[in-house]
Amino acid sequence: MTTHRAVRAIGVTAAAAAGGALARRRALGLGGTPAERDAALPGDDVLPAARLVSTRAITVRAPAERVWPWLLQLGQGRGGFYSHDRLQRLAGLGITSADRVEARWQGLAVGDEVRLAPQVPLAVARLDAPRALVLVGAGPSSPVEDAPPFDFVWAFVLRPGAAGCRLVVRERYGYREPWVRLVVEGLSAASAVMTARMLRGIRDRAGAQRR
């Protein structure tokens, strides 16, 4: 199955499975404040005409400098996504989330590859330690062969908070064909479930880390 067909099949399946799990509005802004949802964040300029945007957030009782290393090691074949590992392994993604910061995964640079799955690479578009990590996926505007039918930007932003910092995660999707909307809505609904667990996973790891 080609990447294009696989992404379409996953999106349609996810839409059917997750469509009733969360109200769409709540899912798109899970944990985020109105100010965070309205704020301009790093990565917005990469895909300014996004068709779907989600902004999810959590408070981490640790400074940004202690959260940042956990973000640097995100990715399949690296530190994982601190989410529902069992589901990801059942899907054959081979993801196991790290429970400690590993020096071998800290040398991330702009242009490096961060994989969502073995055949789904993202690229580091922006790296502003310890404030912002922006990943982008190849879509229809890219020359990459068999690219997904939508453009994707995934931003991780650390902002000062009263109890430590706020971790804000924004997804931006862009597409041209009407049928792609169903794929994107399905992926976004599934992502709400996975991202909620990821936010807690990062919070718990960084918060428990020895000062």
N, C-alpha and C. Protein backbone atom coordinates (compact mmCIF):
# COMPACT_ATOMS: atom_id res chain seq x y z
N MET A 1 0.85 -1.20 0.00
CA MET A 1 0.00 0.00 0.00
C MET A 1 0.88 1.25 0.00
N THR A 2 0.58 2.22 -0.86
CA THR A 2 1.37 3.44 -0.93
C THR A 2 1.11 4.30 0.31
N THR A 3 2.05 5.22 0.56
CA THR A 3 1.88 6.12 1.70
C THR A 3 0.59 6.91 1.57
N HIS A 4 0.30 7.38 0.35
CA HIS A 4 -0.91 8.17 0.10
C HIS A 4 -2.16 7.38 0.49
N ARG A 5 -2.25 6.15 0.01
CA ARG A 5 -3.42 5.31 0.32
C ARG A 5 -3.46 4.94 1.77
N ALA A 6 -2.29 4.67 2.37
CA ALA A 6 -2.25 4.28 3.78
C ALA A 6 -2.73 5.41 4.68
N VAL A 7 -2.26 6.63 4.40
CA VAL A 7 -2.69 7.78 5.21
C VAL A 7 -4.18 8.00 5.07
N ARG A 8 -4.70 7.84 3.84
CA ARG A 8 -6.14 8.02 3.62
C ARG A 8 -6.93 6.98 4.40
N ALA A 9 -6.48 5.71 4.37
CA ALA A 9 -7.18 4.63 5.08
C ALA A 9 -7.14 4.86 6.58
N ILE A 10 -5.96 5.27 7.09
CA ILE A 10 -5.83 5.53 8.53
C ILE A 10 -6.76 6.66 8.95
N GLY A 11 -6.81 7.71 8.14
CA GLY A 11 -7.64 8.86 8.49
C GLY A 11 -9.11 8.52 8.53
N VAL A 12 -9.59 7.78 7.54
CA VAL A 12 -11.00 7.40 7.49
C VAL A 12 -11.35 6.51 8.67
N THR A 13 -10.46 5.56 8.97
CA THR A 13 -10.69 4.65 10.11
C THR A 13 -10.70 5.42 11.41
N ALA A 14 -9.73 6.33 11.56
CA ALA A 14 -9.65 7.11 12.79
C ALA A 14 -10.88 7.98 12.98
N ALA A 15 -11.39 8.53 11.88
CA ALA A 15 -12.58 9.37 11.97
C ALA A 15 -13.76 8.58 12.49
N ALA A 16 -13.91 7.36 12.01
CA ALA A 16 -15.02 6.52 12.44
C ALA A 16 -14.86 6.10 13.90
N ALA A 17 -13.62 5.80 14.29
CA ALA A 17 -13.37 5.28 15.64
C ALA A 17 -13.38 6.38 16.69
N ALA A 18 -12.83 7.54 16.34
CA ALA A 18 -12.63 8.57 17.35
C ALA A 18 -13.63 9.72 17.23
N GLY A 19 -14.48 9.69 16.20
CA GLY A 19 -15.38 10.80 15.97
C GLY A 19 -16.26 11.15 17.15
N GLY A 20 -16.74 10.12 17.88
CA GLY A 20 -17.61 10.41 19.01
C GLY A 20 -16.89 10.47 20.33
N ALA A 21 -15.57 10.30 20.36
CA ALA A 21 -14.83 10.24 21.61
C ALA A 21 -14.74 11.59 22.30
N LEU A 22 -14.55 12.64 21.51
CA LEU A 22 -14.42 13.99 22.06
C LEU A 22 -15.16 14.96 21.16
N ALA A 23 -15.77 15.96 21.76
CA ALA A 23 -16.37 17.01 20.96
C ALA A 23 -15.25 17.70 20.18
N ARG A 24 -15.51 18.04 18.93
CA ARG A 24 -14.47 18.59 18.07
C ARG A 24 -13.83 19.84 18.67
N ARG A 25 -14.62 20.74 19.15
CA ARG A 25 -14.09 22.01 19.67
C ARG A 25 -13.19 21.76 20.86
N ARG A 26 -13.62 20.90 21.76
CA ARG A 26 -12.82 20.61 22.94
C ARG A 26 -11.52 19.90 22.55
N ALA A 27 -11.62 18.99 21.60
CA ALA A 27 -10.44 18.24 21.17
C ALA A 27 -9.38 19.14 20.56
N LEU A 28 -9.81 20.14 19.80
CA LEU A 28 -8.85 21.02 19.15
C LEU A 28 -8.14 21.96 20.12
N GLY A 29 -8.75 22.21 21.27
CA GLY A 29 -8.14 23.14 22.23
C GLY A 29 -7.87 22.52 23.58
N LEU A 30 -7.67 21.23 23.61
CA LEU A 30 -7.52 20.48 24.85
C LEU A 30 -6.45 21.07 25.78
N GLY A 31 -6.87 21.57 26.94
CA GLY A 31 -5.94 22.09 27.93
C GLY A 31 -5.46 23.50 27.66
N GLY A 32 -5.72 24.02 26.47
CA GLY A 32 -5.24 25.36 26.12
C GLY A 32 -6.16 26.45 26.62
N THR A 33 -5.62 27.60 26.94
CA THR A 33 -6.41 28.75 27.33
C THR A 33 -6.83 29.52 26.07
N PRO A 34 -7.85 30.37 26.16
CA PRO A 34 -8.21 31.19 25.00
C PRO A 34 -7.04 32.00 24.47
N ALA A 35 -6.22 32.53 25.38
CA ALA A 35 -5.06 33.33 24.95
C ALA A 35 -4.07 32.47 24.18
N GLU A 36 -3.85 31.23 24.62
CA GLU A 36 -2.93 30.34 23.93
C GLU A 36 -3.47 29.93 22.57
N ARG A 37 -4.76 29.70 22.50
CA ARG A 37 -5.35 29.31 21.21
C ARG A 37 -5.29 30.44 20.19
N ASP A 38 -5.36 31.69 20.68
CA ASP A 38 -5.35 32.84 19.78
C ASP A 38 -3.94 33.36 19.49
N ALA A 39 -2.97 32.93 20.27
CA ALA A 39 -1.61 33.48 20.15
C ALA A 39 -0.93 33.02 18.87
N ALA A 40 -0.08 33.90 18.33
CA ALA A 40 0.80 33.51 17.23
C ALA A 40 1.96 32.73 17.82
N LEU A 41 2.25 31.57 17.25
CA LEU A 41 3.30 30.71 17.76
C LEU A 41 4.33 30.42 16.68
N PRO A 42 5.55 30.05 17.06
CA PRO A 42 6.53 29.62 16.07
C PRO A 42 5.96 28.49 15.21
N GLY A 43 6.19 28.56 13.93
CA GLY A 43 5.66 27.56 13.00
C GLY A 43 4.42 28.00 12.27
N ASP A 44 3.71 29.00 12.80
CA ASP A 44 2.50 29.48 12.12
C ASP A 44 2.83 30.00 10.73
N ASP A 45 4.00 30.64 10.59
CA ASP A 45 4.37 31.23 9.31
C ASP A 45 4.76 30.20 8.28
N VAL A 46 5.05 28.97 8.73
CA VAL A 46 5.43 27.91 7.79
C VAL A 46 4.22 27.49 6.96
N LEU A 47 3.04 27.52 7.58
CA LEU A 47 1.80 27.14 6.89
C LEU A 47 0.71 28.14 7.29
N PRO A 48 0.79 29.36 6.80
CA PRO A 48 -0.14 30.41 7.26
C PRO A 48 -1.59 30.16 6.88
N ALA A 49 -1.83 29.48 5.77
CA ALA A 49 -3.21 29.26 5.32
C ALA A 49 -3.70 27.87 5.70
N ALA A 50 -3.49 27.50 6.95
CA ALA A 50 -3.91 26.18 7.42
C ALA A 50 -5.43 26.05 7.40
N ARG A 51 -5.91 24.86 7.06
CA ARG A 51 -7.35 24.59 7.04
C ARG A 51 -7.86 24.08 8.38
N LEU A 52 -6.97 23.50 9.18
CA LEU A 52 -7.35 23.00 10.51
C LEU A 52 -6.19 23.26 11.45
N VAL A 53 -6.50 23.82 12.62
CA VAL A 53 -5.48 24.14 13.61
C VAL A 53 -5.95 23.64 14.98
N SER A 54 -5.07 22.96 15.69
CA SER A 54 -5.35 22.59 17.08
C SER A 54 -4.25 23.17 17.96
N THR A 55 -4.63 23.57 19.18
CA THR A 55 -3.68 24.11 20.13
C THR A 55 -3.97 23.47 21.49
N ARG A 56 -3.09 22.58 21.91
CA ARG A 56 -3.28 21.84 23.16
C ARG A 56 -2.14 22.17 24.11
N ALA A 57 -2.41 22.15 25.41
CA ALA A 57 -1.39 22.63 26.35
C ALA A 57 -1.53 21.98 27.71
N ILE A 58 -0.46 22.12 28.51
CA ILE A 58 -0.44 21.60 29.87
C ILE A 58 0.57 22.40 30.69
N THR A 59 0.34 22.49 31.98
CA THR A 59 1.30 23.12 32.89
C THR A 59 2.30 22.07 33.35
N VAL A 60 3.58 22.41 33.28
CA VAL A 60 4.65 21.53 33.76
C VAL A 60 5.33 22.22 34.93
N ARG A 61 5.39 21.54 36.05
CA ARG A 61 6.01 22.13 37.24
C ARG A 61 7.53 21.95 37.19
N ALA A 62 8.10 22.56 36.19
CA ALA A 62 9.54 22.54 35.97
C ALA A 62 9.87 23.66 35.00
N PRO A 63 11.09 24.20 35.08
CA PRO A 63 11.46 25.25 34.12
C PRO A 63 11.61 24.69 32.72
N ALA A 64 11.52 25.57 31.74
CA ALA A 64 11.62 25.14 30.34
C ALA A 64 12.91 24.38 30.06
N GLU A 65 13.99 24.77 30.73
CA GLU A 65 15.28 24.11 30.51
C GLU A 65 15.25 22.64 30.88
N ARG A 66 14.35 22.26 31.78
CA ARG A 66 14.27 20.86 32.18
C ARG A 66 13.30 20.09 31.29
N VAL A 67 12.39 20.77 30.63
CA VAL A 67 11.45 20.12 29.73
C VAL A 67 12.08 19.93 28.35
N TRP A 68 12.90 20.86 27.94
CA TRP A 68 13.46 20.89 26.59
C TRP A 68 14.15 19.58 26.19
N PRO A 69 14.99 18.96 27.02
CA PRO A 69 15.65 17.71 26.60
C PRO A 69 14.67 16.60 26.24
N TRP A 70 13.50 16.59 26.86
CA TRP A 70 12.50 15.56 26.54
C TRP A 70 11.92 15.80 25.14
N LEU A 71 11.81 17.07 24.74
CA LEU A 71 11.32 17.38 23.41
C LEU A 71 12.36 17.02 22.34
N LEU A 72 13.63 17.24 22.64
CA LEU A 72 14.68 16.98 21.67
C LEU A 72 14.74 15.51 21.26
N GLN A 73 14.30 14.61 22.13
CA GLN A 73 14.44 13.19 21.79
C GLN A 73 13.14 12.56 21.31
N LEU A 74 12.16 13.39 20.93
CA LEU A 74 10.93 12.86 20.34
C LEU A 74 11.22 12.08 19.07
N GLY A 75 10.41 11.07 18.80
CA GLY A 75 10.48 10.40 17.51
C GLY A 75 10.54 8.90 17.58
N GLN A 76 10.01 8.25 16.55
CA GLN A 76 10.11 6.79 16.42
C GLN A 76 11.57 6.44 16.18
N GLY A 77 12.05 5.40 16.88
CA GLY A 77 13.45 5.03 16.80
C GLY A 77 14.33 5.89 17.69
N ARG A 78 13.73 6.82 18.42
CA ARG A 78 14.45 7.68 19.36
C ARG A 78 13.76 7.55 20.72
N GLY A 79 13.35 8.67 21.32
CA GLY A 79 12.74 8.60 22.65
C GLY A 79 11.24 8.36 22.66
N GLY A 80 10.65 8.17 21.47
CA GLY A 80 9.21 7.92 21.40
C GLY A 80 8.41 9.20 21.55
N PHE A 81 7.16 9.05 21.97
CA PHE A 81 6.26 10.20 22.09
C PHE A 81 5.60 10.29 23.46
N TYR A 82 6.04 9.47 24.43
CA TYR A 82 5.52 9.54 25.80
C TYR A 82 4.01 9.41 25.83
N SER A 83 3.47 8.61 24.94
CA SER A 83 2.02 8.50 24.80
C SER A 83 1.59 7.05 25.03
N HIS A 84 0.61 6.60 24.27
CA HIS A 84 0.08 5.24 24.44
C HIS A 84 0.96 4.25 23.67
N ASP A 85 2.06 3.87 24.28
CA ASP A 85 3.03 3.00 23.61
C ASP A 85 2.42 1.67 23.18
N ARG A 86 1.55 1.13 24.01
CA ARG A 86 0.97 -0.18 23.68
C ARG A 86 0.17 -0.11 22.39
N LEU A 87 -0.61 0.94 22.23
CA LEU A 87 -1.38 1.09 21.00
C LEU A 87 -0.45 1.28 19.80
N GLN A 88 0.60 2.03 19.99
CA GLN A 88 1.54 2.28 18.90
C GLN A 88 2.27 1.00 18.51
N ARG A 89 2.59 0.17 19.48
CA ARG A 89 3.24 -1.10 19.16
C ARG A 89 2.28 -2.06 18.48
N LEU A 90 1.01 -2.05 18.92
CA LEU A 90 0.02 -2.90 18.26
C LEU A 90 -0.16 -2.50 16.79
N ALA A 91 0.04 -1.23 16.51
CA ALA A 91 -0.06 -0.74 15.14
C ALA A 91 1.22 -1.02 14.34
N GLY A 92 2.20 -1.66 14.99
CA GLY A 92 3.43 -2.01 14.30
C GLY A 92 4.40 -0.86 14.12
N LEU A 93 4.29 0.17 14.96
CA LEU A 93 5.13 1.35 14.80
C LEU A 93 6.47 1.22 15.52
N GLY A 94 6.60 0.24 16.39
CA GLY A 94 7.87 0.02 17.07
C GLY A 94 8.31 1.18 17.94
N ILE A 95 7.37 1.75 18.68
CA ILE A 95 7.68 2.92 19.51
C ILE A 95 7.67 2.53 20.98
N THR A 96 8.75 2.85 21.67
CA THR A 96 8.84 2.71 23.11
C THR A 96 9.35 4.02 23.68
N SER A 97 8.59 4.63 24.57
CA SER A 97 8.96 5.94 25.10
C SER A 97 10.04 5.83 26.16
N ALA A 98 10.99 6.74 26.09
CA ALA A 98 12.08 6.78 27.05
C ALA A 98 11.60 7.31 28.40
N ASP A 99 12.21 6.81 29.46
CA ASP A 99 11.90 7.29 30.81
C ASP A 99 13.05 8.11 31.39
N ARG A 100 14.04 8.38 30.56
CA ARG A 100 15.14 9.24 30.99
C ARG A 100 15.71 9.97 29.79
N VAL A 101 16.38 11.06 30.06
CA VAL A 101 17.02 11.84 28.99
C VAL A 101 18.29 11.10 28.56
N GLU A 102 18.41 10.90 27.25
CA GLU A 102 19.55 10.17 26.69
C GLU A 102 20.42 11.14 25.87
N ALA A 103 21.70 11.17 26.18
CA ALA A 103 22.62 12.08 25.50
C ALA A 103 22.66 11.83 23.99
N ARG A 104 22.48 10.58 23.57
CA ARG A 104 22.59 10.24 22.15
C ARG A 104 21.49 10.87 21.30
N TRP A 105 20.41 11.35 21.93
CA TRP A 105 19.31 11.94 21.18
C TRP A 105 19.22 13.45 21.34
N GLN A 106 20.23 14.06 21.95
CA GLN A 106 20.14 15.48 22.26
C GLN A 106 20.73 16.37 21.17
N GLY A 107 21.39 15.79 20.18
CA GLY A 107 22.05 16.60 19.17
C GLY A 107 21.18 16.93 17.98
N LEU A 108 19.94 17.29 18.21
CA LEU A 108 19.01 17.58 17.12
C LEU A 108 19.35 18.92 16.48
N ALA A 109 19.21 18.99 15.15
CA ALA A 109 19.52 20.22 14.43
C ALA A 109 18.48 20.45 13.33
N VAL A 110 18.38 21.69 12.88
CA VAL A 110 17.47 22.02 11.78
C VAL A 110 17.82 21.17 10.56
N GLY A 111 16.79 20.59 9.94
CA GLY A 111 16.99 19.72 8.80
C GLY A 111 17.02 18.25 9.15
N ASP A 112 17.21 17.92 10.43
CA ASP A 112 17.23 16.52 10.85
C ASP A 112 15.85 15.90 10.69
N GLU A 113 15.83 14.58 10.59
CA GLU A 113 14.59 13.82 10.44
C GLU A 113 14.09 13.33 11.80
N VAL A 114 12.80 13.51 12.03
CA VAL A 114 12.13 12.96 13.21
C VAL A 114 10.93 12.18 12.68
N ARG A 115 10.91 10.87 12.91
CA ARG A 115 9.88 10.03 12.31
C ARG A 115 8.67 9.85 13.23
N LEU A 116 7.48 9.98 12.64
CA LEU A 116 6.25 9.60 13.34
C LEU A 116 6.08 8.09 13.33
N ALA A 117 6.51 7.48 12.25
CA ALA A 117 6.47 6.04 12.03
C ALA A 117 7.61 5.73 11.06
N PRO A 118 7.94 4.44 10.87
CA PRO A 118 9.07 4.13 10.00
C PRO A 118 9.02 4.78 8.62
N GLN A 119 7.81 4.90 8.04
CA GLN A 119 7.69 5.47 6.70
C GLN A 119 7.08 6.87 6.70
N VAL A 120 7.04 7.52 7.86
CA VAL A 120 6.43 8.85 7.95
C VAL A 120 7.42 9.82 8.60
N PRO A 121 8.33 10.40 7.80
CA PRO A 121 9.33 11.31 8.36
C PRO A 121 8.81 12.75 8.44
N LEU A 122 9.25 13.43 9.48
CA LEU A 122 9.08 14.88 9.57
C LEU A 122 10.48 15.48 9.57
N ALA A 123 10.57 16.77 9.31
CA ALA A 123 11.86 17.45 9.32
C ALA A 123 11.84 18.59 10.33
N VAL A 124 12.96 18.80 10.99
CA VAL A 124 13.07 19.91 11.93
C VAL A 124 13.19 21.20 11.13
N ALA A 125 12.19 22.08 11.28
CA ALA A 125 12.19 23.35 10.55
C ALA A 125 12.70 24.49 11.41
N ARG A 126 12.52 24.39 12.72
CA ARG A 126 12.96 25.46 13.62
C ARG A 126 13.35 24.85 14.96
N LEU A 127 14.42 25.39 15.52
CA LEU A 127 14.93 24.90 16.79
C LEU A 127 15.44 26.10 17.57
N ASP A 128 14.70 26.48 18.60
CA ASP A 128 15.03 27.67 19.38
C ASP A 128 15.05 27.27 20.85
N ALA A 129 16.19 26.77 21.31
CA ALA A 129 16.30 26.26 22.68
C ALA A 129 16.26 27.40 23.69
N PRO A 130 15.55 27.21 24.81
CA PRO A 130 14.64 26.10 25.11
C PRO A 130 13.19 26.52 24.94
N ARG A 131 12.87 27.09 23.80
CA ARG A 131 11.54 27.68 23.61
C ARG A 131 10.68 27.00 22.56
N ALA A 132 11.25 26.62 21.44
CA ALA A 132 10.38 26.13 20.36
C ALA A 132 11.07 25.08 19.49
N LEU A 133 10.33 24.03 19.21
CA LEU A 133 10.73 22.99 18.26
C LEU A 133 9.60 22.87 17.25
N VAL A 134 9.91 23.06 15.97
CA VAL A 134 8.90 23.01 14.92
C VAL A 134 9.28 21.92 13.92
N LEU A 135 8.34 20.99 13.70
CA LEU A 135 8.53 19.89 12.76
C LEU A 135 7.55 20.05 11.60
N VAL A 136 7.98 19.70 10.40
CA VAL A 136 7.10 19.80 9.23
C VAL A 136 7.09 18.48 8.48
N GLY A 137 5.94 18.17 7.88
CA GLY A 137 5.81 16.96 7.09
C GLY A 137 5.63 17.29 5.63
N ALA A 138 6.16 16.41 4.77
CA ALA A 138 6.02 16.61 3.32
C ALA A 138 4.57 16.40 2.92
N GLY A 139 4.05 17.32 2.13
CA GLY A 139 2.67 17.23 1.66
C GLY A 139 2.60 17.51 0.17
N PRO A 140 1.44 17.89 -0.33
CA PRO A 140 1.27 18.11 -1.77
C PRO A 140 2.12 19.26 -2.31
N SER A 141 2.55 20.17 -1.45
CA SER A 141 3.40 21.27 -1.91
C SER A 141 4.86 20.87 -1.97
N SER A 142 5.16 19.62 -1.58
CA SER A 142 6.54 19.12 -1.56
C SER A 142 6.78 18.23 -2.77
N PRO A 143 8.03 18.18 -3.25
CA PRO A 143 8.35 17.30 -4.37
C PRO A 143 8.57 15.85 -3.96
N VAL A 144 8.43 15.55 -2.66
CA VAL A 144 8.66 14.19 -2.18
C VAL A 144 7.67 13.23 -2.82
N GLU A 145 8.17 12.13 -3.35
CA GLU A 145 7.32 11.14 -4.01
C GLU A 145 6.42 10.44 -2.99
N ASP A 146 5.16 10.21 -3.38
CA ASP A 146 4.19 9.51 -2.54
C ASP A 146 3.98 10.22 -1.20
N ALA A 147 4.01 11.54 -1.21
CA ALA A 147 3.81 12.32 0.02
C ALA A 147 2.35 12.27 0.44
N PRO A 148 2.06 12.47 1.73
CA PRO A 148 0.67 12.53 2.19
C PRO A 148 -0.10 13.63 1.46
N PRO A 149 -1.43 13.56 1.43
CA PRO A 149 -2.23 14.53 0.68
C PRO A 149 -2.47 15.84 1.43
N PHE A 150 -1.71 16.09 2.48
CA PHE A 150 -1.86 17.34 3.21
C PHE A 150 -0.51 17.80 3.73
N ASP A 151 -0.37 19.11 3.93
CA ASP A 151 0.81 19.68 4.57
C ASP A 151 0.58 19.67 6.08
N PHE A 152 1.67 19.55 6.84
CA PHE A 152 1.54 19.39 8.28
C PHE A 152 2.67 20.12 8.98
N VAL A 153 2.33 20.88 10.02
CA VAL A 153 3.31 21.55 10.87
C VAL A 153 2.98 21.20 12.33
N TRP A 154 3.99 20.78 13.06
CA TRP A 154 3.81 20.36 14.45
C TRP A 154 4.77 21.18 15.30
N ALA A 155 4.24 22.06 16.13
CA ALA A 155 5.07 22.96 16.93
C ALA A 155 4.95 22.65 18.42
N PHE A 156 6.09 22.61 19.09
CA PHE A 156 6.17 22.43 20.54
C PHE A 156 6.78 23.71 21.11
N VAL A 157 6.00 24.40 21.93
CA VAL A 157 6.42 25.71 22.43
C VAL A 157 6.38 25.72 23.95
N LEU A 158 7.45 26.20 24.57
CA LEU A 158 7.52 26.32 26.02
C LEU A 158 7.41 27.80 26.39
N ARG A 159 6.42 28.11 27.24
CA ARG A 159 6.18 29.50 27.63
C ARG A 159 6.21 29.59 29.15
N PRO A 160 6.66 30.72 29.70
CA PRO A 160 6.71 30.87 31.16
C PRO A 160 5.33 30.70 31.78
N GLY A 161 5.29 30.09 32.95
CA GLY A 161 4.04 29.89 33.68
C GLY A 161 4.25 30.13 35.15
N ALA A 162 3.18 30.33 35.88
CA ALA A 162 3.28 30.65 37.31
C ALA A 162 3.91 29.51 38.10
N ALA A 163 3.67 28.27 37.67
CA ALA A 163 4.16 27.12 38.43
C ALA A 163 5.33 26.42 37.75
N GLY A 164 5.91 27.05 36.75
CA GLY A 164 7.00 26.42 36.01
C GLY A 164 6.97 26.91 34.58
N CYS A 165 6.32 26.14 33.71
CA CYS A 165 6.15 26.58 32.33
C CYS A 165 4.92 25.93 31.73
N ARG A 166 4.50 26.47 30.61
CA ARG A 166 3.40 25.90 29.85
C ARG A 166 3.98 25.26 28.59
N LEU A 167 3.60 24.01 28.35
CA LEU A 167 3.95 23.33 27.12
C LEU A 167 2.75 23.42 26.19
N VAL A 168 2.93 24.10 25.08
CA VAL A 168 1.86 24.30 24.11
C VAL A 168 2.22 23.55 22.83
N VAL A 169 1.31 22.70 22.36
CA VAL A 169 1.54 21.91 21.15
C VAL A 169 0.50 22.31 20.11
N ARG A 170 0.96 22.77 18.97
CA ARG A 170 0.04 23.20 17.92
C ARG A 170 0.25 22.36 16.67
N GLU A 171 -0.86 21.89 16.09
CA GLU A 171 -0.84 21.19 14.81
C GLU A 171 -1.53 22.08 13.77
N ARG A 172 -0.93 22.15 12.60
CA ARG A 172 -1.52 22.90 11.49
C ARG A 172 -1.56 21.98 10.26
N TYR A 173 -2.73 21.91 9.64
CA TYR A 173 -2.92 21.06 8.45
C TYR A 173 -3.38 21.93 7.29
N GLY A 174 -2.81 21.67 6.12
CA GLY A 174 -3.25 22.36 4.92
C GLY A 174 -3.54 21.36 3.82
N TYR A 175 -4.61 21.58 3.06
CA TYR A 175 -4.97 20.66 1.98
C TYR A 175 -5.79 21.42 0.93
N ARG A 176 -5.85 20.83 -0.26
CA ARG A 176 -6.58 21.46 -1.36
C ARG A 176 -7.81 20.66 -1.79
N GLU A 177 -7.71 19.35 -1.78
CA GLU A 177 -8.80 18.51 -2.25
C GLU A 177 -9.86 18.35 -1.15
N PRO A 178 -11.15 18.48 -1.46
CA PRO A 178 -12.20 18.39 -0.44
C PRO A 178 -12.18 17.07 0.33
N TRP A 179 -11.88 15.94 -0.34
CA TRP A 179 -11.92 14.66 0.34
C TRP A 179 -10.87 14.54 1.44
N VAL A 180 -9.82 15.35 1.36
CA VAL A 180 -8.74 15.28 2.35
C VAL A 180 -9.23 15.75 3.72
N ARG A 181 -10.31 16.53 3.73
CA ARG A 181 -10.83 17.01 5.01
C ARG A 181 -11.18 15.85 5.94
N LEU A 182 -11.77 14.80 5.40
CA LEU A 182 -12.13 13.64 6.23
C LEU A 182 -10.89 12.98 6.82
N VAL A 183 -9.83 12.89 6.02
CA VAL A 183 -8.57 12.33 6.51
C VAL A 183 -8.01 13.17 7.65
N VAL A 184 -7.96 14.47 7.43
CA VAL A 184 -7.38 15.39 8.41
C VAL A 184 -8.22 15.40 9.70
N GLU A 185 -9.54 15.43 9.57
CA GLU A 185 -10.39 15.42 10.76
C GLU A 185 -10.18 14.14 11.56
N GLY A 186 -10.05 13.02 10.85
CA GLY A 186 -9.81 11.75 11.54
C GLY A 186 -8.48 11.72 12.26
N LEU A 187 -7.44 12.16 11.57
CA LEU A 187 -6.11 12.19 12.19
C LEU A 187 -6.08 13.14 13.38
N SER A 188 -6.74 14.28 13.26
CA SER A 188 -6.76 15.25 14.35
C SER A 188 -7.51 14.70 15.57
N ALA A 189 -8.60 13.97 15.33
CA ALA A 189 -9.35 13.37 16.44
C ALA A 189 -8.50 12.32 17.16
N ALA A 190 -7.82 11.48 16.38
CA ALA A 190 -6.94 10.48 16.98
C ALA A 190 -5.79 11.17 17.70
N SER A 191 -5.27 12.23 17.11
CA SER A 191 -4.17 12.97 17.72
C SER A 191 -4.56 13.59 19.05
N ALA A 192 -5.81 13.99 19.21
CA ALA A 192 -6.26 14.56 20.48
C ALA A 192 -6.06 13.56 21.61
N VAL A 193 -6.38 12.30 21.35
CA VAL A 193 -6.22 11.25 22.37
C VAL A 193 -4.74 11.01 22.65
N MET A 194 -3.94 10.90 21.58
CA MET A 194 -2.51 10.62 21.75
C MET A 194 -1.78 11.81 22.36
N THR A 195 -2.15 13.02 21.95
CA THR A 195 -1.47 14.22 22.46
C THR A 195 -1.79 14.46 23.92
N ALA A 196 -3.02 14.19 24.34
CA ALA A 196 -3.37 14.35 25.76
C ALA A 196 -2.46 13.48 26.62
N ARG A 197 -2.24 12.25 26.17
CA ARG A 197 -1.36 11.34 26.92
C ARG A 197 0.09 11.79 26.82
N MET A 198 0.50 12.28 25.67
CA MET A 198 1.87 12.77 25.50
C MET A 198 2.16 13.95 26.41
N LEU A 199 1.23 14.90 26.49
CA LEU A 199 1.42 16.05 27.36
C LEU A 199 1.61 15.62 28.81
N ARG A 200 0.79 14.68 29.25
CA ARG A 200 0.93 14.18 30.63
C ARG A 200 2.25 13.43 30.80
N GLY A 201 2.63 12.70 29.76
CA GLY A 201 3.88 11.94 29.84
C GLY A 201 5.09 12.85 29.97
N ILE A 202 5.11 13.93 29.21
CA ILE A 202 6.22 14.88 29.33
C ILE A 202 6.18 15.60 30.67
N ARG A 203 4.98 16.02 31.06
CA ARG A 203 4.83 16.70 32.36
C ARG A 203 5.35 15.84 33.50
N ASP A 204 4.95 14.58 33.53
CA ASP A 204 5.33 13.70 34.63
C ASP A 204 6.83 13.41 34.62
N ARG A 205 7.41 13.23 33.45
CA ARG A 205 8.84 12.95 33.37
C ARG A 205 9.68 14.16 33.77
N ALA A 206 9.33 15.32 33.22
CA ALA A 206 10.11 16.52 33.54
C ALA A 206 9.90 16.96 34.99
N GLY A 207 8.66 16.81 35.49
CA GLY A 207 8.37 17.21 36.84
C GLY A 207 9.04 16.33 37.88
N ALA A 208 9.25 15.06 37.54
CA ALA A 208 9.87 14.12 38.49
C ALA A 208 11.39 14.14 38.41
N GLN A 209 11.92 14.76 37.35
CA GLN A 209 13.37 14.80 37.16
C GLN A 209 14.04 15.52 38.31
N ARG A 210 15.15 14.98 38.78
CA ARG A 210 15.87 15.57 39.90
C ARG A 210 16.35 16.97 39.52
N ARG A 211 16.13 17.90 40.43
CA ARG A 211 16.55 19.29 40.19
C ARG A 211 18.06 19.42 40.30
